[in-house]
Amino acid sequence: MQTLITIAPIFILIALGWVAAHRGFLPDEVLNPLNRLIYYFAIPAFLFHAISNFPLAQGFNIQVTLTTLGAAFLMYVSGWLFSKVACIPGDRAGVLIQGACHGNLGYIGLPVAFYFLGSTGLAQAGIISGFLMILQNVMSVSILQSFSSRTSTEKQSGPLVKLLQNPVIVSSMAGIIASGLELPIPEVIDRTLKMLGQLAPPAALLLIGASLSFKTLRSRKIEIAGAVSVKLILLPAFGLLLFTLLGVAPESYLPAFILLCTPTATVAYVMARQMHGDLDIAVTIISVSTLLSAITLPLWLALLHI
């Protein structure tokens, strides 16, 4: 029940975005500027504030962290290899891979960790999520850029430089450095970042709702079902297998495992829109995976007897 309570507001905001768009409050000429505002300001502020406030010196388990990162990384690489073998068009391939691997850590993973594991589990999940956020963002941007629908000339103009200049990646890396070095953030700046960052999740959800379309679900149902299945079933199962083979105690890996079980992050839509991916597929994967996670998350936790 608590998981449903956590997820319900997400769908309410998506529905509100859909209503707003169809009532003329969010016309097409508003969506692109709003997307840029979120992508270049709100999301970086949200990530930096969240990561920089996680105390790395407390409760950091390097084995669990590296195993979690390894599971996610191998899933990204597997998706990239499969898309090449299957010859999936670029504008769909990048979005499908991101949808299958990029989890909603902050607004589903951490609340669920707190409800099931308490404040200690929340702290452990928070530390791991800082590193996982960076991996997800770096891999997602890299994948989307490699499959970008832009011309080859545009792609060749400094892809590494573009990657390092990406606001999502820069803010994530800066947050880890600030946390690791325990750099003091002036209160006025911290509060400003917090306020600006709070804009990111609801605005991203409204954007998803405004562009909501399930027509892709019929025409691309196999691809979407595959991406959602990987995100909610295969990735958690692979992570659980690695934890078990390495002999990690359940109480140590549970916070990380919850993060691996999360549905596709809403920021995946913002990234896809900014980097010219297939938006219909992106929004469908996010909506379907979030809806089904209300079933899969409790089942995974029940399997582990929590």
C-alpha atoms as a PDB file:
ATOM      1  CA  MET A   1       0.000   0.000   0.000  1.00  0.00           C
ATOM      2  CA  GLN A   2       2.814   2.419   0.864  1.00  0.00           C
ATOM      3  CA  THR A   3       4.447   1.804  -2.521  1.00  0.00           C
ATOM      4  CA  LEU A   4       1.172   2.689  -4.243  1.00  0.00           C
ATOM      5  CA  ILE A   5       0.931   5.856  -2.147  1.00  0.00           C
ATOM      6  CA  THR A   6       4.461   6.767  -3.238  1.00  0.00           C
ATOM      7  CA  ILE A   7       3.739   6.156  -6.921  1.00  0.00           C
ATOM      8  CA  ALA A   8       0.209   7.638  -7.111  1.00  0.00           C
ATOM      9  CA  PRO A   9       1.285  11.327  -7.100  1.00  0.00           C
ATOM     10  CA  ILE A  10       3.571  10.628 -10.053  1.00  0.00           C
ATOM     11  CA  PHE A  11       0.638   9.530 -12.184  1.00  0.00           C
ATOM     12  CA  ILE A  12      -1.533  12.364 -10.907  1.00  0.00           C
ATOM     13  CA  LEU A  13       1.036  14.896 -12.147  1.00  0.00           C
ATOM     14  CA  ILE A  14       1.391  13.074 -15.471  1.00  0.00           C
ATOM     15  CA  ALA A  15      -2.395  13.159 -15.855  1.00  0.00           C
ATOM     16  CA  LEU A  16      -2.415  16.861 -14.964  1.00  0.00           C
ATOM     17  CA  GLY A  17       0.176  17.508 -17.673  1.00  0.00           C
ATOM     18  CA  TRP A  18      -2.001  15.663 -20.196  1.00  0.00           C
ATOM     19  CA  VAL A  19      -5.072  17.701 -19.194  1.00  0.00           C
ATOM     20  CA  ALA A  20      -3.087  20.957 -19.301  1.00  0.00           C
ATOM     21  CA  ALA A  21      -1.816  20.213 -22.808  1.00  0.00           C
ATOM     22  CA  HIS A  22      -5.240  19.277 -24.132  1.00  0.00           C
ATOM     23  CA  ARG A  23      -6.788  22.378 -22.527  1.00  0.00           C
ATOM     24  CA  GLY A  24      -4.218  24.652 -24.145  1.00  0.00           C
ATOM     25  CA  PHE A  25      -2.199  25.506 -21.021  1.00  0.00           C
ATOM     26  CA  LEU A  26       0.929  23.743 -22.352  1.00  0.00           C
ATOM     27  CA  PRO A  27       1.017  24.343 -26.132  1.00  0.00           C
ATOM     28  CA  ASP A  28       3.873  23.026 -28.259  1.00  0.00           C
ATOM     29  CA  GLU A  29       5.632  26.396 -28.346  1.00  0.00           C
ATOM     30  CA  VAL A  30       5.954  26.250 -24.539  1.00  0.00           C
ATOM     31  CA  LEU A  31       7.281  22.693 -24.245  1.00  0.00           C
ATOM     32  CA  ASN A  32      10.737  23.191 -25.800  1.00  0.00           C
ATOM     33  CA  PRO A  33      11.699  26.261 -23.704  1.00  0.00           C
ATOM     34  CA  LEU A  34      10.349  24.559 -20.583  1.00  0.00           C
ATOM     35  CA  ASN A  35      12.337  21.431 -21.370  1.00  0.00           C
ATOM     36  CA  ARG A  36      15.549  23.472 -21.737  1.00  0.00           C
ATOM     37  CA  LEU A  37      14.889  25.237 -18.437  1.00  0.00           C
ATOM     38  CA  ILE A  38      14.506  21.915 -16.643  1.00  0.00           C
ATOM     39  CA  TYR A  39      17.446  20.259 -18.401  1.00  0.00           C
ATOM     40  CA  TYR A  40      19.985  23.055 -17.926  1.00  0.00           C
ATOM     41  CA  PHE A  41      18.926  24.478 -14.555  1.00  0.00           C
ATOM     42  CA  ALA A  42      16.443  22.485 -12.472  1.00  0.00           C
ATOM     43  CA  ILE A  43      17.830  18.954 -12.919  1.00  0.00           C
ATOM     44  CA  PRO A  44      21.487  19.961 -12.341  1.00  0.00           C
ATOM     45  CA  ALA A  45      20.461  21.815  -9.178  1.00  0.00           C
ATOM     46  CA  PHE A  46      18.435  18.808  -8.024  1.00  0.00           C
ATOM     47  CA  LEU A  47      21.301  16.356  -8.597  1.00  0.00           C
ATOM     48  CA  PHE A  48      24.035  18.512  -7.067  1.00  0.00           C
ATOM     49  CA  HIS A  49      21.992  19.276  -3.967  1.00  0.00           C
ATOM     50  CA  ALA A  50      20.990  15.637  -3.471  1.00  0.00           C
ATOM     51  CA  ILE A  51      24.452  14.134  -3.995  1.00  0.00           C
ATOM     52  CA  SER A  52      26.476  16.789  -2.167  1.00  0.00           C
ATOM     53  CA  ASN A  53      24.360  16.306   0.957  1.00  0.00           C
ATOM     54  CA  PHE A  54      24.986  12.540   1.142  1.00  0.00           C
ATOM     55  CA  PRO A  55      27.684  11.791   3.790  1.00  0.00           C
ATOM     56  CA  LEU A  56      30.131   9.503   1.990  1.00  0.00           C
ATOM     57  CA  ALA A  57      32.141   8.906   5.169  1.00  0.00           C
ATOM     58  CA  GLN A  58      29.223   7.115   6.861  1.00  0.00           C
ATOM     59  CA  GLY A  59      27.972   3.679   5.887  1.00  0.00           C
ATOM     60  CA  PHE A  60      29.838   3.427   2.586  1.00  0.00           C
ATOM     61  CA  ASN A  61      30.116  -0.218   1.448  1.00  0.00           C
ATOM     62  CA  ILE A  62      32.465  -0.336  -1.521  1.00  0.00           C
ATOM     63  CA  GLN A  63      31.653  -3.971  -2.420  1.00  0.00           C
ATOM     64  CA  VAL A  64      27.913  -3.300  -2.601  1.00  0.00           C
ATOM     65  CA  THR A  65      28.463  -0.054  -4.486  1.00  0.00           C
ATOM     66  CA  LEU A  66      30.782  -1.576  -7.095  1.00  0.00           C
ATOM     67  CA  THR A  67      28.494  -4.591  -7.568  1.00  0.00           C
ATOM     68  CA  THR A  68      25.498  -2.312  -8.098  1.00  0.00           C
ATOM     69  CA  LEU A  69      27.402  -0.178 -10.583  1.00  0.00           C
ATOM     70  CA  GLY A  70      28.685  -3.296 -12.333  1.00  0.00           C
ATOM     71  CA  ALA A  71      25.182  -4.718 -12.768  1.00  0.00           C
ATOM     72  CA  ALA A  72      23.879  -1.462 -14.235  1.00  0.00           C
ATOM     73  CA  PHE A  73      26.925  -0.960 -16.463  1.00  0.00           C
ATOM     74  CA  LEU A  74      26.784  -4.484 -17.901  1.00  0.00           C
ATOM     75  CA  MET A  75      23.076  -4.029 -18.634  1.00  0.00           C
ATOM     76  CA  TYR A  76      23.786  -0.817 -20.554  1.00  0.00           C
ATOM     77  CA  VAL A  77      26.547  -2.512 -22.558  1.00  0.00           C
ATOM     78  CA  SER A  78      24.354  -5.554 -23.249  1.00  0.00           C
ATOM     79  CA  GLY A  79      21.575  -3.278 -24.494  1.00  0.00           C
ATOM     80  CA  TRP A  80      23.978  -1.431 -26.776  1.00  0.00           C
ATOM     81  CA  LEU A  81      25.333  -4.667 -28.256  1.00  0.00           C
ATOM     82  CA  PHE A  82      21.833  -6.092 -28.749  1.00  0.00           C
ATOM     83  CA  SER A  83      20.623  -2.927 -30.495  1.00  0.00           C
ATOM     84  CA  LYS A  84      23.552  -3.149 -32.910  1.00  0.00           C
ATOM     85  CA  VAL A  85      22.920  -6.823 -33.678  1.00  0.00           C
ATOM     86  CA  ALA A  86      19.158  -6.265 -34.030  1.00  0.00           C
ATOM     87  CA  CYS A  87      19.722  -3.154 -36.207  1.00  0.00           C
ATOM     88  CA  ILE A  88      17.274  -1.030 -34.202  1.00  0.00           C
ATOM     89  CA  PRO A  89      17.059   2.523 -35.636  1.00  0.00           C
ATOM     90  CA  GLY A  90      19.074   5.093 -33.697  1.00  0.00           C
ATOM     91  CA  ASP A  91      16.257   7.336 -32.489  1.00  0.00           C
ATOM     92  CA  ARG A  92      14.583   4.301 -30.892  1.00  0.00           C
ATOM     93  CA  ALA A  93      17.663   2.343 -29.806  1.00  0.00           C
ATOM     94  CA  GLY A  94      19.072   4.971 -27.458  1.00  0.00           C
ATOM     95  CA  VAL A  95      15.707   5.568 -25.805  1.00  0.00           C
ATOM     96  CA  LEU A  96      15.029   1.841 -25.388  1.00  0.00           C
ATOM     97  CA  ILE A  97      18.418   1.202 -23.770  1.00  0.00           C
ATOM     98  CA  GLN A  98      18.050   4.166 -21.440  1.00  0.00           C
ATOM     99  CA  GLY A  99      14.512   3.115 -20.570  1.00  0.00           C
ATOM    100  CA  ALA A 100      15.727  -0.373 -19.676  1.00  0.00           C
ATOM    101  CA  CYS A 101      18.543   0.822 -17.391  1.00  0.00           C
ATOM    102  CA  HIS A 102      17.959   4.353 -16.054  1.00  0.00           C
ATOM    103  CA  GLY A 103      16.135   4.000 -12.733  1.00  0.00           C
ATOM    104  CA  ASN A 104      14.074   6.548 -10.811  1.00  0.00           C
ATOM    105  CA  LEU A 105      16.289   6.679  -7.719  1.00  0.00           C
ATOM    106  CA  GLY A 106      15.329   9.915  -6.011  1.00  0.00           C
ATOM    107  CA  TYR A 107      11.553   9.828  -6.168  1.00  0.00           C
ATOM    108  CA  ILE A 108      10.817   6.125  -5.948  1.00  0.00           C
ATOM    109  CA  GLY A 109      13.999   4.330  -4.862  1.00  0.00           C
ATOM    110  CA  LEU A 110      14.826   6.422  -1.800  1.00  0.00           C
ATOM    111  CA  PRO A 111      11.255   6.709  -0.416  1.00  0.00           C
ATOM    112  CA  VAL A 112      10.762   2.951  -0.794  1.00  0.00           C
ATOM    113  CA  ALA A 113      14.127   2.321   0.927  1.00  0.00           C
ATOM    114  CA  PHE A 114      13.046   4.524   3.827  1.00  0.00           C
ATOM    115  CA  TYR A 115       9.658   2.832   4.197  1.00  0.00           C
ATOM    116  CA  PHE A 116      11.051  -0.707   4.135  1.00  0.00           C
ATOM    117  CA  LEU A 117      14.426  -0.196   5.844  1.00  0.00           C
ATOM    118  CA  GLY A 118      14.117   2.927   7.978  1.00  0.00           C
ATOM    119  CA  SER A 119      16.499   5.866   8.284  1.00  0.00           C
ATOM    120  CA  THR A 120      19.643   3.694   8.223  1.00  0.00           C
ATOM    121  CA  GLY A 121      18.587   2.005   4.989  1.00  0.00           C
ATOM    122  CA  LEU A 122      17.704   5.389   3.527  1.00  0.00           C
ATOM    123  CA  ALA A 123      21.191   6.721   4.313  1.00  0.00           C
ATOM    124  CA  GLN A 124      22.858   3.681   2.724  1.00  0.00           C
ATOM    125  CA  ALA A 125      20.639   3.896  -0.357  1.00  0.00           C
ATOM    126  CA  GLY A 126      21.341   7.610  -0.605  1.00  0.00           C
ATOM    127  CA  ILE A 127      25.109   7.134  -0.683  1.00  0.00           C
ATOM    128  CA  ILE A 128      24.896   4.403  -3.332  1.00  0.00           C
ATOM    129  CA  SER A 129      22.409   6.409  -5.381  1.00  0.00           C
ATOM    130  CA  GLY A 130      24.926   9.242  -5.674  1.00  0.00           C
ATOM    131  CA  PHE A 131      27.353   6.991  -7.538  1.00  0.00           C
ATOM    132  CA  LEU A 132      24.579   5.243  -9.454  1.00  0.00           C
ATOM    133  CA  MET A 133      23.178   8.593 -10.587  1.00  0.00           C
ATOM    134  CA  ILE A 134      26.519   9.453 -12.145  1.00  0.00           C
ATOM    135  CA  LEU A 135      26.812   6.095 -13.911  1.00  0.00           C
ATOM    136  CA  GLN A 136      23.227   6.287 -15.191  1.00  0.00           C
ATOM    137  CA  ASN A 137      23.635   9.837 -16.439  1.00  0.00           C
ATOM    138  CA  VAL A 138      27.013   9.238 -18.081  1.00  0.00           C
ATOM    139  CA  MET A 139      25.846   6.023 -19.756  1.00  0.00           C
ATOM    140  CA  SER A 140      22.464   7.462 -20.796  1.00  0.00           C
ATOM    141  CA  VAL A 141      23.977  10.575 -22.348  1.00  0.00           C
ATOM    142  CA  SER A 142      26.671   8.481 -24.060  1.00  0.00           C
ATOM    143  CA  ILE A 143      24.125   6.017 -25.450  1.00  0.00           C
ATOM    144  CA  LEU A 144      21.708   8.722 -26.606  1.00  0.00           C
ATOM    145  CA  GLN A 145      24.536  10.676 -28.207  1.00  0.00           C
ATOM    146  CA  SER A 146      25.926   7.626 -30.001  1.00  0.00           C
ATOM    147  CA  PHE A 147      22.481   6.923 -31.480  1.00  0.00           C
ATOM    148  CA  SER A 148      21.620  10.587 -32.076  1.00  0.00           C
ATOM    149  CA  SER A 149      19.602  11.385 -35.208  1.00  0.00           C
ATOM    150  CA  ARG A 150      21.890  14.313 -35.973  1.00  0.00           C
ATOM    151  CA  THR A 151      24.203  14.168 -38.960  1.00  0.00           C
ATOM    152  CA  SER A 152      27.561  12.442 -38.797  1.00  0.00           C
ATOM    153  CA  THR A 153      29.331  15.815 -39.134  1.00  0.00           C
ATOM    154  CA  GLU A 154      27.560  17.099 -36.032  1.00  0.00           C
ATOM    155  CA  LYS A 155      28.328  13.894 -34.142  1.00  0.00           C
ATOM    156  CA  GLN A 156      32.021  14.101 -34.910  1.00  0.00           C
ATOM    157  CA  SER A 157      32.389  17.667 -33.581  1.00  0.00           C
ATOM    158  CA  GLY A 158      33.849  16.880 -30.194  1.00  0.00           C
ATOM    159  CA  PRO A 159      31.577  14.185 -28.711  1.00  0.00           C
ATOM    160  CA  LEU A 160      33.789  13.808 -25.644  1.00  0.00           C
ATOM    161  CA  VAL A 161      33.746  17.563 -25.053  1.00  0.00           C
ATOM    162  CA  LYS A 162      29.959  17.603 -25.391  1.00  0.00           C
ATOM    163  CA  LEU A 163      29.703  14.715 -22.962  1.00  0.00           C
ATOM    164  CA  LEU A 164      31.861  16.470 -20.365  1.00  0.00           C
ATOM    165  CA  GLN A 165      29.880  19.683 -20.819  1.00  0.00           C
ATOM    166  CA  ASN A 166      26.544  17.961 -20.258  1.00  0.00           C
ATOM    167  CA  PRO A 167      24.849  19.745 -17.315  1.00  0.00           C
ATOM    168  CA  VAL A 168      23.509  16.516 -15.824  1.00  0.00           C
ATOM    169  CA  ILE A 169      26.940  14.868 -15.737  1.00  0.00           C
ATOM    170  CA  VAL A 170      28.767  17.996 -14.555  1.00  0.00           C
ATOM    171  CA  SER A 171      26.349  18.518 -11.666  1.00  0.00           C
ATOM    172  CA  SER A 172      26.555  14.856 -10.619  1.00  0.00           C
ATOM    173  CA  MET A 173      30.361  14.848 -10.608  1.00  0.00           C
ATOM    174  CA  ALA A 174      30.481  18.156  -8.754  1.00  0.00           C
ATOM    175  CA  GLY A 175      28.121  16.746  -6.127  1.00  0.00           C
ATOM    176  CA  ILE A 176      30.333  13.705  -5.516  1.00  0.00           C
ATOM    177  CA  ILE A 177      33.423  15.918  -5.171  1.00  0.00           C
ATOM    178  CA  ALA A 178      31.657  18.269  -2.766  1.00  0.00           C
ATOM    179  CA  SER A 179      30.428  15.361  -0.666  1.00  0.00           C
ATOM    180  CA  GLY A 180      33.722  13.472  -0.700  1.00  0.00           C
ATOM    181  CA  LEU A 181      35.731  16.537   0.310  1.00  0.00           C
ATOM    182  CA  GLU A 182      32.997  17.643   2.727  1.00  0.00           C
ATOM    183  CA  LEU A 183      33.017  21.076   1.149  1.00  0.00           C
ATOM    184  CA  PRO A 184      30.806  23.515   3.053  1.00  0.00           C
ATOM    185  CA  ILE A 185      27.981  24.856   0.910  1.00  0.00           C
ATOM    186  CA  PRO A 186      26.852  28.346   1.987  1.00  0.00           C
ATOM    187  CA  GLU A 187      23.332  28.152   3.359  1.00  0.00           C
ATOM    188  CA  VAL A 188      21.925  30.679   0.912  1.00  0.00           C
ATOM    189  CA  ILE A 189      23.319  28.688  -2.037  1.00  0.00           C
ATOM    190  CA  ASP A 190      22.151  25.386  -0.556  1.00  0.00           C
ATOM    191  CA  ARG A 191      18.615  26.710  -0.120  1.00  0.00           C
ATOM    192  CA  THR A 192      18.605  28.195  -3.609  1.00  0.00           C
ATOM    193  CA  LEU A 193      19.711  24.888  -5.135  1.00  0.00           C
ATOM    194  CA  LYS A 194      17.097  23.035  -3.113  1.00  0.00           C
ATOM    195  CA  MET A 195      14.317  25.362  -4.281  1.00  0.00           C
ATOM    196  CA  LEU A 196      15.415  25.209  -7.910  1.00  0.00           C
ATOM    197  CA  GLY A 197      15.894  21.442  -7.743  1.00  0.00           C
ATOM    198  CA  GLN A 198      12.396  20.955  -6.394  1.00  0.00           C
ATOM    199  CA  LEU A 199      11.125  22.241  -9.735  1.00  0.00           C
ATOM    200  CA  ALA A 200      12.693  19.333 -11.645  1.00  0.00           C
ATOM    201  CA  PRO A 201      10.548  16.270 -10.775  1.00  0.00           C
ATOM    202  CA  PRO A 202       7.061  17.832 -11.031  1.00  0.00           C
ATOM    203  CA  ALA A 203       7.965  19.849 -14.123  1.00  0.00           C
ATOM    204  CA  ALA A 204       9.421  16.755 -15.795  1.00  0.00           C
ATOM    205  CA  LEU A 205       6.252  14.826 -14.972  1.00  0.00           C
ATOM    206  CA  LEU A 206       4.073  17.607 -16.396  1.00  0.00           C
ATOM    207  CA  LEU A 207       6.182  17.509 -19.566  1.00  0.00           C
ATOM    208  CA  ILE A 208       5.655  13.763 -19.813  1.00  0.00           C
ATOM    209  CA  GLY A 209       1.914  14.192 -19.415  1.00  0.00           C
ATOM    210  CA  ALA A 210       1.796  17.000 -21.967  1.00  0.00           C
ATOM    211  CA  SER A 211       3.421  14.711 -24.536  1.00  0.00           C
ATOM    212  CA  LEU A 212       1.638  11.566 -23.386  1.00  0.00           C
ATOM    213  CA  SER A 213       0.956   9.133 -26.183  1.00  0.00           C
ATOM    214  CA  PHE A 214       0.289   5.426 -26.029  1.00  0.00           C
ATOM    215  CA  LYS A 215       0.057   4.959 -29.790  1.00  0.00           C
ATOM    216  CA  THR A 216       3.607   3.603 -29.692  1.00  0.00           C
ATOM    217  CA  LEU A 217       2.491   0.889 -27.288  1.00  0.00           C
ATOM    218  CA  ARG A 218       0.693  -0.912 -30.106  1.00  0.00           C
ATOM    219  CA  SER A 219       3.181  -0.330 -32.897  1.00  0.00           C
ATOM    220  CA  ARG A 220       6.263  -0.998 -30.732  1.00  0.00           C
ATOM    221  CA  LYS A 221       4.764  -3.239 -28.071  1.00  0.00           C
ATOM    222  CA  ILE A 222       7.528  -5.872 -28.310  1.00  0.00           C
ATOM    223  CA  GLU A 223      10.327  -3.310 -27.959  1.00  0.00           C
ATOM    224  CA  ILE A 224       8.589  -1.492 -25.096  1.00  0.00           C
ATOM    225  CA  ALA A 225       7.722  -4.745 -23.333  1.00  0.00           C
ATOM    226  CA  GLY A 226      11.355  -5.782 -23.667  1.00  0.00           C
ATOM    227  CA  ALA A 227      12.696  -2.537 -22.187  1.00  0.00           C
ATOM    228  CA  VAL A 228      10.220  -2.597 -19.291  1.00  0.00           C
ATOM    229  CA  SER A 229      10.934  -6.264 -18.589  1.00  0.00           C
ATOM    230  CA  VAL A 230      14.672  -5.601 -18.467  1.00  0.00           C
ATOM    231  CA  LYS A 231      14.191  -2.649 -16.103  1.00  0.00           C
ATOM    232  CA  LEU A 232      11.779  -4.294 -13.668  1.00  0.00           C
ATOM    233  CA  ILE A 233      12.791  -7.969 -13.874  1.00  0.00           C
ATOM    234  CA  LEU A 234      16.119  -8.699 -15.572  1.00  0.00           C
ATOM    235  CA  LEU A 235      18.221  -5.911 -14.022  1.00  0.00           C
ATOM    236  CA  PRO A 236      17.080  -6.638 -10.427  1.00  0.00           C
ATOM    237  CA  ALA A 237      17.528 -10.386 -11.003  1.00  0.00           C
ATOM    238  CA  PHE A 238      21.033  -9.858 -12.383  1.00  0.00           C
ATOM    239  CA  GLY A 239      21.959  -7.635  -9.455  1.00  0.00           C
ATOM    240  CA  LEU A 240      20.568 -10.158  -6.968  1.00  0.00           C
ATOM    241  CA  LEU A 241      22.560 -12.927  -8.657  1.00  0.00           C
ATOM    242  CA  LEU A 242      25.789 -10.932  -8.363  1.00  0.00           C
ATOM    243  CA  PHE A 243      25.166 -10.117  -4.698  1.00  0.00           C
ATOM    244  CA  THR A 244      24.476 -13.786  -3.958  1.00  0.00           C
ATOM    245  CA  LEU A 245      27.519 -15.085  -5.854  1.00  0.00           C
ATOM    246  CA  LEU A 246      29.763 -12.611  -4.045  1.00  0.00           C
ATOM    247  CA  GLY A 247      28.371 -13.664  -0.684  1.00  0.00           C
ATOM    248  CA  VAL A 248      27.056 -10.225   0.269  1.00  0.00           C
ATOM    249  CA  ALA A 249      24.697 -10.304   3.243  1.00  0.00           C
ATOM    250  CA  PRO A 250      21.076  -9.340   2.435  1.00  0.00           C
ATOM    251  CA  GLU A 251      21.030  -6.590   5.058  1.00  0.00           C
ATOM    252  CA  SER A 252      24.010  -5.020   3.273  1.00  0.00           C
ATOM    253  CA  TYR A 253      22.693  -5.175  -0.303  1.00  0.00           C
ATOM    254  CA  LEU A 254      18.981  -4.494   0.274  1.00  0.00           C
ATOM    255  CA  PRO A 255      19.248  -0.685  -0.063  1.00  0.00           C
ATOM    256  CA  ALA A 256      21.114  -1.088  -3.358  1.00  0.00           C
ATOM    257  CA  PHE A 257      18.753  -3.807  -4.559  1.00  0.00           C
ATOM    258  CA  ILE A 258      15.764  -1.520  -4.073  1.00  0.00           C
ATOM    259  CA  LEU A 259      17.468   1.046  -6.307  1.00  0.00           C
ATOM    260  CA  LEU A 260      17.928  -1.575  -9.036  1.00  0.00           C
ATOM    261  CA  CYS A 261      14.204  -2.404  -8.836  1.00  0.00           C
ATOM    262  CA  THR A 262      13.015   1.124  -9.606  1.00  0.00           C
ATOM    263  CA  PRO A 263      11.097   1.980 -12.803  1.00  0.00           C
ATOM    264  CA  THR A 264      12.472   4.214 -15.546  1.00  0.00           C
ATOM    265  CA  ALA A 265      13.367   7.718 -14.355  1.00  0.00           C
ATOM    266  CA  THR A 266      11.329  10.715 -15.522  1.00  0.00           C
ATOM    267  CA  VAL A 267      14.581  12.462 -16.442  1.00  0.00           C
ATOM    268  CA  ALA A 268      14.907   9.867 -19.214  1.00  0.00           C
ATOM    269  CA  TYR A 269      12.170  11.729 -21.087  1.00  0.00           C
ATOM    270  CA  VAL A 270      13.910  15.085 -20.653  1.00  0.00           C
ATOM    271  CA  MET A 271      17.192  13.605 -21.916  1.00  0.00           C
ATOM    272  CA  ALA A 272      15.487  11.949 -24.878  1.00  0.00           C
ATOM    273  CA  ARG A 273      13.764  15.188 -25.834  1.00  0.00           C
ATOM    274  CA  GLN A 274      16.966  17.206 -25.550  1.00  0.00           C
ATOM    275  CA  MET A 275      19.038  14.670 -27.510  1.00  0.00           C
ATOM    276  CA  HIS A 276      16.532  13.937 -30.293  1.00  0.00           C
ATOM    277  CA  GLY A 277      15.337  10.489 -29.234  1.00  0.00           C
ATOM    278  CA  ASP A 278      11.930   8.934 -29.879  1.00  0.00           C
ATOM    279  CA  LEU A 279       9.721  10.747 -27.347  1.00  0.00           C
ATOM    280  CA  ASP A 280       6.658   8.528 -27.786  1.00  0.00           C
ATOM    281  CA  ILE A 281       8.675   5.456 -26.822  1.00  0.00           C
ATOM    282  CA  ALA A 282      10.355   7.304 -23.938  1.00  0.00           C
ATOM    283  CA  VAL A 283       7.122   8.472 -22.344  1.00  0.00           C
ATOM    284  CA  THR A 284       5.443   5.091 -22.837  1.00  0.00           C
ATOM    285  CA  ILE A 285       8.312   3.204 -21.187  1.00  0.00           C
ATOM    286  CA  ILE A 286       8.304   5.598 -18.220  1.00  0.00           C
ATOM    287  CA  SER A 287       4.536   5.380 -17.759  1.00  0.00           C
ATOM    288  CA  VAL A 288       4.264   1.610 -18.180  1.00  0.00           C
ATOM    289  CA  SER A 289       7.297   0.807 -16.012  1.00  0.00           C
ATOM    290  CA  THR A 290       6.151   3.135 -13.229  1.00  0.00           C
ATOM    291  CA  LEU A 291       2.677   1.605 -13.259  1.00  0.00           C
ATOM    292  CA  LEU A 292       3.965  -1.967 -13.215  1.00  0.00           C
ATOM    293  CA  SER A 293       6.558  -1.205 -10.522  1.00  0.00           C
ATOM    294  CA  ALA A 294       3.667  -0.949  -8.085  1.00  0.00           C
ATOM    295  CA  ILE A 295       3.417  -4.709  -8.591  1.00  0.00           C
ATOM    296  CA  THR A 296       7.033  -5.761  -9.146  1.00  0.00           C
ATOM    297  CA  LEU A 297       8.617  -3.827  -6.255  1.00  0.00           C
ATOM    298  CA  PRO A 298       6.462  -5.418  -3.539  1.00  0.00           C
ATOM    299  CA  LEU A 299       6.952  -8.824  -5.185  1.00  0.00           C
ATOM    300  CA  TRP A 300      10.750  -8.493  -5.181  1.00  0.00           C
ATOM    301  CA  LEU A 301      10.736  -7.401  -1.548  1.00  0.00           C
ATOM    302  CA  ALA A 302       8.355 -10.211  -0.618  1.00  0.00           C
ATOM    303  CA  LEU A 303      10.700 -12.656  -2.346  1.00  0.00           C
ATOM    304  CA  LEU A 304      13.455 -11.502  -0.003  1.00  0.00           C
ATOM    305  CA  HIS A 305      11.079 -11.801   2.981  1.00  0.00           C
ATOM    306  CA  ILE A 306      11.160  -8.142   3.948  1.00  0.00           C
END
